[in-house]
């Protein structure tokens, strides 16, 4: 039977590879699930189509809750953390809350992305350093609508700003994915696919090799900065009630010293439950937050958007 991707309306996204790393460089998940492979189906959509649709589908899922496991690999050391993801469908609006925590020695690092009916709030706590900022989603929506009047976002949740939505949009925009493999994880039917940097992104990351990369040549081995991965692996669901939900994302890099691939960043979502009873108060940020910084202008400049 030919599989059809969920019908969703997508919007064009600016490049945001730094947004991917801003989330995942500090927060990663430890995965121990066993995969059982199935033969590929010739009627299966391409890996690029699946990732693009998964990014758009993220905000169409019903209200849900999921636990998060994370792992960060730095050389031979791995730091394990945890977190939670909440998503609420509130009328025509979509709100989410992503929490990630990582213990490094005696120091706890945490990140929160929370959207209410207008703003994306970002909390970053590292030891004694705490900060909170926000991005005005209405201004971002207006700016993107002006940039592409025929394909404006329908609601704030579809903007791909913050949380898992931002991560998936970043993957679709910056990586090219191979054809998917069908597999089963703990009884859940999924697609698993690998991706590598798009040539245009590699040319930006390695400007001294830009012309040769765009001409079709591979970059010089080992020339990519050590803090950057050279491959991403994504696992998404295939079936209802959560088609294309991202269960696992892993960033890795080939280590020539040991002649094998090394995991750098892993994020895994598990115990995913539908939660129509979610309380909207989980997605509120108190008005008395001190030292709140508005980063909307910086976000618009970073992505080449002009706000009216």
Protein backbone atom coordinates (compact mmCIF):
# COMPACT_ATOMS: atom_id res chain seq x y z
CA UNK A 1 0.00 0.00 0.00
CA UNK A 2 1.36 3.40 -0.91
CA UNK A 3 1.91 5.59 2.16
CA UNK A 4 0.72 9.19 1.97
CA UNK A 5 2.23 11.82 4.19
CA UNK A 6 -0.17 13.84 6.35
CA UNK A 7 -1.59 16.79 4.43
CA UNK A 8 -0.12 19.93 5.96
CA UNK A 9 0.58 23.45 4.81
CA UNK A 10 4.21 24.42 5.13
CA UNK A 11 5.95 27.77 5.15
CA UNK A 12 9.39 28.61 3.88
CA UNK A 13 11.90 28.76 6.73
CA UNK A 14 15.16 30.74 6.91
CA UNK A 15 18.39 28.91 7.66
CA UNK A 16 18.79 28.31 11.38
CA UNK A 17 21.53 25.74 11.95
CA UNK A 18 22.74 27.75 14.94
CA UNK A 19 19.25 27.38 16.43
CA UNK A 20 19.63 23.60 16.19
CA UNK A 21 22.93 23.64 18.04
CA UNK A 22 21.71 26.20 20.58
CA UNK A 23 19.19 23.62 21.75
CA UNK A 24 21.06 20.38 21.21
CA UNK A 25 24.68 21.29 21.93
CA UNK A 26 23.85 21.46 25.63
CA UNK A 27 20.94 19.03 25.82
CA UNK A 28 21.12 15.48 24.49
CA UNK A 29 19.52 12.13 25.24
CA UNK A 30 20.75 8.64 26.03
CA UNK A 31 19.08 6.04 23.81
CA UNK A 32 19.07 2.32 24.57
CA UNK A 33 16.16 1.16 22.38
CA UNK A 34 16.67 -1.79 20.06
CA UNK A 35 15.58 -1.36 16.43
CA UNK A 36 14.21 -4.19 14.31
CA UNK A 37 14.63 -3.39 10.63
CA UNK A 38 12.12 -4.09 7.90
CA UNK A 39 12.73 -4.14 4.15
CA UNK A 40 12.37 -0.66 2.58
CA UNK A 41 9.14 0.04 0.73
CA UNK A 42 9.64 1.48 -2.75
CA UNK A 43 6.47 3.54 -2.33
CA UNK A 44 7.84 5.22 0.83
CA UNK A 45 8.36 9.00 0.60
CA UNK A 46 11.92 10.28 0.49
CA UNK A 47 13.76 11.07 3.70
CA UNK A 48 13.74 14.79 2.85
CA UNK A 49 9.98 14.76 2.34
CA UNK A 50 9.44 13.01 5.66
CA UNK A 51 11.59 15.48 7.63
CA UNK A 52 9.98 18.50 5.96
CA UNK A 53 6.50 17.16 6.70
CA UNK A 54 7.48 16.23 10.26
CA UNK A 55 8.47 19.86 10.89
CA UNK A 56 5.10 21.09 9.66
CA UNK A 57 3.18 18.29 11.38
CA UNK A 58 4.69 19.06 14.80
CA UNK A 59 2.18 21.80 15.60
CA UNK A 60 -0.77 19.75 14.32
CA UNK A 61 -0.45 17.03 16.96
CA UNK A 62 -3.10 16.92 19.70
CA UNK A 63 -2.38 17.88 23.30
CA UNK A 64 0.32 15.55 24.61
CA UNK A 65 3.01 14.97 27.18
CA UNK A 66 6.37 13.19 26.81
CA UNK A 67 9.41 12.49 28.93
CA UNK A 68 12.87 13.32 27.62
CA UNK A 69 16.22 11.60 28.09
CA UNK A 70 19.35 13.39 27.04
CA UNK A 71 23.07 12.79 26.67
CA UNK A 72 25.94 15.03 25.68
CA UNK A 73 29.18 13.42 24.52
CA UNK A 74 32.37 15.44 24.92
CA UNK A 75 35.38 13.38 23.85
CA UNK A 76 35.28 10.30 26.08
CA UNK A 77 32.88 11.77 28.66
CA UNK A 78 29.09 11.58 28.59
CA UNK A 79 26.73 13.74 30.63
CA UNK A 80 23.19 12.47 31.06
CA UNK A 81 20.13 14.58 31.82
CA UNK A 82 16.35 14.56 31.56
CA UNK A 83 13.39 16.76 30.79
CA UNK A 84 9.80 16.94 29.62
CA UNK A 85 7.79 18.17 26.64
CA UNK A 86 4.19 19.41 26.84
CA UNK A 87 2.04 20.52 23.92
CA UNK A 88 -1.42 22.02 24.24
CA UNK A 89 -4.00 22.67 21.54
CA UNK A 90 -5.89 25.70 22.89
CA UNK A 91 -8.65 26.56 20.44
CA UNK A 92 -6.86 27.35 17.17
CA UNK A 93 -3.67 28.11 19.05
CA UNK A 94 -0.81 25.72 19.89
CA UNK A 95 1.34 26.12 22.99
CA UNK A 96 4.34 24.12 24.09
CA UNK A 97 6.71 23.78 27.01
CA UNK A 98 10.12 22.14 26.62
CA UNK A 99 12.28 21.60 29.71
CA UNK A 100 15.80 20.16 29.62
CA UNK A 101 18.20 19.65 32.53
CA UNK A 102 21.78 18.47 32.52
CA UNK A 103 23.98 17.79 35.57
CA UNK A 104 27.68 18.50 35.05
CA UNK A 105 29.56 17.72 38.27
CA UNK A 106 28.01 19.91 40.94
CA UNK A 107 26.54 22.31 38.38
CA UNK A 108 23.01 22.02 36.99
CA UNK A 109 22.29 23.50 33.56
CA UNK A 110 18.68 23.92 32.50
CA UNK A 111 16.73 25.34 29.57
CA UNK A 112 13.04 26.13 29.17
CA UNK A 113 11.14 27.11 26.02
CA UNK A 114 7.55 28.17 26.78
CA UNK A 115 4.98 29.68 24.43
CA UNK A 116 1.79 31.36 25.61
CA UNK A 117 -0.72 33.11 23.36
CA UNK A 118 1.82 35.72 22.19
CA UNK A 119 5.45 35.12 23.20
CA UNK A 120 8.17 32.50 23.23
CA UNK A 121 9.95 32.70 26.59
CA UNK A 122 13.45 31.25 26.94
CA UNK A 123 14.94 30.57 30.37
CA UNK A 124 18.61 29.61 30.66
CA UNK A 125 20.11 28.69 34.03
CA UNK A 126 23.74 27.64 34.41
CA UNK A 127 25.03 27.51 37.96
CA UNK A 128 24.56 30.98 39.42
CA UNK A 129 23.90 32.55 36.00
CA UNK A 130 20.22 32.93 35.17
CA UNK A 131 18.53 34.69 32.28
CA UNK A 132 15.09 34.97 30.74
CA UNK A 133 14.24 36.41 27.34
CA UNK A 134 11.29 36.45 25.00
CA UNK A 135 10.48 36.64 21.29
CA UNK A 136 7.30 38.36 20.11
CA UNK A 137 5.67 35.71 17.90
CA UNK A 138 3.15 38.18 16.50
CA UNK A 139 5.97 40.32 15.11
CA UNK A 140 7.70 37.24 13.70
CA UNK A 141 4.45 36.11 12.09
CA UNK A 142 3.93 39.56 10.54
CA UNK A 143 7.49 39.69 9.25
CA UNK A 144 7.29 36.24 7.68
CA UNK A 145 3.91 37.06 6.18
CA UNK A 146 5.42 40.13 4.52
CA UNK A 147 8.36 38.08 3.26
CA UNK A 148 6.01 35.50 1.72
CA UNK A 149 2.52 36.97 1.42
CA UNK A 150 1.11 33.91 -0.34
CA UNK A 151 2.15 31.46 2.36
CA UNK A 152 1.85 33.21 5.74
CA UNK A 153 1.77 31.19 8.95
CA UNK A 154 -1.73 30.35 10.18
CA UNK A 155 -0.93 30.54 13.89
CA UNK A 156 2.02 31.16 16.18
CA UNK A 157 2.70 27.47 16.65
CA UNK A 158 3.51 26.98 12.96
CA UNK A 159 6.32 29.54 13.00
CA UNK A 160 8.95 26.99 13.99
CA UNK A 161 10.34 29.27 16.71
CA UNK A 162 11.58 27.38 19.77
CA UNK A 163 11.33 23.82 21.05
CA UNK A 164 10.95 20.70 18.92
CA UNK A 165 9.35 22.65 16.08
CA UNK A 166 12.45 24.81 15.73
CA UNK A 167 14.71 21.77 15.84
CA UNK A 168 12.81 19.95 13.07
CA UNK A 169 12.63 23.03 10.84
CA UNK A 170 16.37 23.46 11.29
CA UNK A 171 17.00 19.85 10.28
CA UNK A 172 14.84 20.17 7.16
CA UNK A 173 16.49 23.41 6.10
CA UNK A 174 20.12 22.55 6.75
CA UNK A 175 20.52 18.80 6.15
CA UNK A 176 19.87 16.55 3.18
CA UNK A 177 18.43 13.17 4.19
CA UNK A 178 18.83 9.75 2.67
CA UNK A 179 15.92 7.41 1.94
CA UNK A 180 14.32 6.17 5.18
CA UNK A 181 14.42 2.71 6.72
CA UNK A 182 11.26 1.32 8.28
CA UNK A 183 11.75 -0.10 11.77
CA UNK A 184 9.95 -0.88 15.01
CA UNK A 185 10.93 0.56 18.40
CA UNK A 186 9.22 -0.99 21.42
CA UNK A 187 6.19 -1.83 19.30
CA UNK A 188 6.00 1.59 17.61
CA UNK A 189 6.36 1.68 13.82
CA UNK A 190 8.87 4.34 12.82
CA UNK A 191 11.04 5.70 10.03
CA UNK A 192 14.75 6.13 10.62
CA UNK A 193 16.91 8.26 8.31
CA UNK A 194 20.35 9.83 8.25
CA UNK A 195 21.22 13.29 7.01
CA UNK A 196 24.36 15.27 6.18
CA UNK A 197 24.94 19.00 5.82
CA UNK A 198 23.59 20.48 2.60
CA UNK A 199 26.41 21.71 0.31
CA UNK A 200 25.30 25.33 0.66
CA UNK A 201 25.48 25.03 4.45
CA UNK A 202 28.90 23.38 4.34
CA UNK A 203 30.09 26.21 2.09
CA UNK A 204 29.05 28.70 4.76
CA UNK A 205 30.67 26.68 7.54
CA UNK A 206 33.87 26.26 5.50
CA UNK A 207 34.11 29.43 3.40
CA UNK A 208 37.72 28.69 2.35
CA UNK A 209 36.42 25.54 0.60
CA UNK A 210 33.09 27.03 -0.46
CA UNK A 211 33.66 27.03 -4.23
CA UNK A 212 34.87 23.44 -4.38
CA UNK A 213 32.07 22.22 -2.11
CA UNK A 214 29.41 23.91 -4.26
CA UNK A 215 31.09 22.35 -7.30
CA UNK A 216 30.32 18.91 -5.86
CA UNK A 217 33.52 18.01 -4.02
CA UNK A 218 33.60 16.77 -0.44
CA UNK A 219 35.30 18.98 2.18
CA UNK A 220 38.78 18.12 3.36
CA UNK A 221 38.55 15.37 6.02
CA UNK A 222 38.67 16.79 9.53
CA UNK A 223 38.19 20.39 8.40
CA UNK A 224 34.77 20.82 10.02
CA UNK A 225 35.07 22.54 13.44
CA UNK A 226 35.31 19.96 16.22
CA UNK A 227 32.18 21.20 17.97
CA UNK A 228 30.02 20.49 14.89
CA UNK A 229 28.56 17.11 13.85
CA UNK A 230 28.87 15.75 10.32
CA UNK A 231 25.73 13.59 10.45
CA UNK A 232 22.28 13.61 12.03
CA UNK A 233 20.00 10.61 12.55
CA UNK A 234 16.26 11.12 13.02
CA UNK A 235 13.54 8.66 14.07
CA UNK A 236 9.88 9.63 13.58
CA UNK A 237 6.61 7.75 13.96
CA UNK A 238 4.74 6.31 10.98
CA UNK A 239 1.28 5.64 12.36
CA UNK A 240 -1.63 7.32 14.12
CA UNK A 241 -2.27 8.90 16.54
CA UNK A 242 1.09 10.73 16.24
CA UNK A 243 2.36 10.40 12.67
CA UNK A 244 5.84 11.86 12.13
CA UNK A 245 6.34 12.59 15.84
CA UNK A 246 10.12 12.85 16.56
CA UNK A 247 11.11 10.10 18.98
CA UNK A 248 14.88 10.38 18.61
CA UNK A 249 17.47 12.71 17.13
CA UNK A 250 21.21 12.10 17.25
CA UNK A 251 24.11 14.25 16.10
CA UNK A 252 27.37 12.39 15.49
CA UNK A 253 30.80 12.79 13.98
CA UNK A 254 33.29 10.37 12.45
CA UNK A 255 36.38 10.03 14.65
CA UNK A 256 39.39 9.12 12.50
CA UNK A 257 41.52 8.43 15.58
CA UNK A 258 39.43 5.39 16.50
CA UNK A 259 38.03 4.75 13.02
CA UNK A 260 34.39 4.88 14.13
CA UNK A 261 31.45 7.23 14.48
CA UNK A 262 31.06 8.99 17.82
CA UNK A 263 27.76 10.27 19.24
CA UNK A 264 27.87 13.93 20.23
CA UNK A 265 24.27 14.83 20.99
CA UNK A 266 21.25 12.59 21.46
CA UNK A 267 17.66 13.47 22.33
CA UNK A 268 14.96 10.88 22.89
CA UNK A 269 11.27 11.33 23.71
CA UNK A 270 9.44 8.42 25.35
CA UNK A 271 6.31 7.58 27.34
CA UNK A 272 4.38 9.86 24.99
CA UNK A 273 0.78 10.26 26.16
CA UNK A 274 -2.20 12.14 24.78
CA UNK A 275 -3.27 14.73 27.37
CA UNK A 276 -6.54 16.51 26.48
CA UNK A 277 -6.74 17.51 30.17
CA UNK A 278 -3.55 19.63 30.17
CA UNK A 279 -3.88 22.79 32.26
CA UNK A 280 -3.17 26.00 30.23
CA UNK A 281 -1.42 27.40 33.31
CA UNK A 282 1.57 25.17 32.50
CA UNK A 283 2.24 27.51 29.59
CA UNK A 284 2.16 30.80 31.46
CA UNK A 285 5.14 32.86 32.59
CA UNK A 286 4.67 35.20 35.59
CA UNK A 287 4.48 38.91 34.71
CA UNK A 288 6.88 39.82 37.52
CA UNK A 289 9.91 38.13 35.94
CA UNK A 290 12.91 40.39 36.53
CA UNK A 291 15.61 41.14 33.99
CA UNK A 292 13.40 40.05 31.08
CA UNK A 293 15.17 40.77 27.78
CA UNK A 294 13.26 41.12 24.49
CA UNK A 295 15.20 39.35 21.72
CA UNK A 296 12.69 39.86 18.91
CA UNK A 297 14.77 42.41 17.01
CA UNK A 298 17.85 40.18 17.25
CA UNK A 299 15.83 37.19 16.00
CA UNK A 300 14.45 39.16 13.02
CA UNK A 301 17.91 40.43 12.08
CA UNK A 302 19.44 36.98 12.41
CA UNK A 303 16.93 35.50 9.98
CA UNK A 304 16.85 38.41 7.54
CA UNK A 305 13.27 39.39 8.33
CA UNK A 306 11.83 42.89 8.33
CA UNK A 307 9.13 43.65 10.90
CA UNK A 308 6.50 46.28 10.24
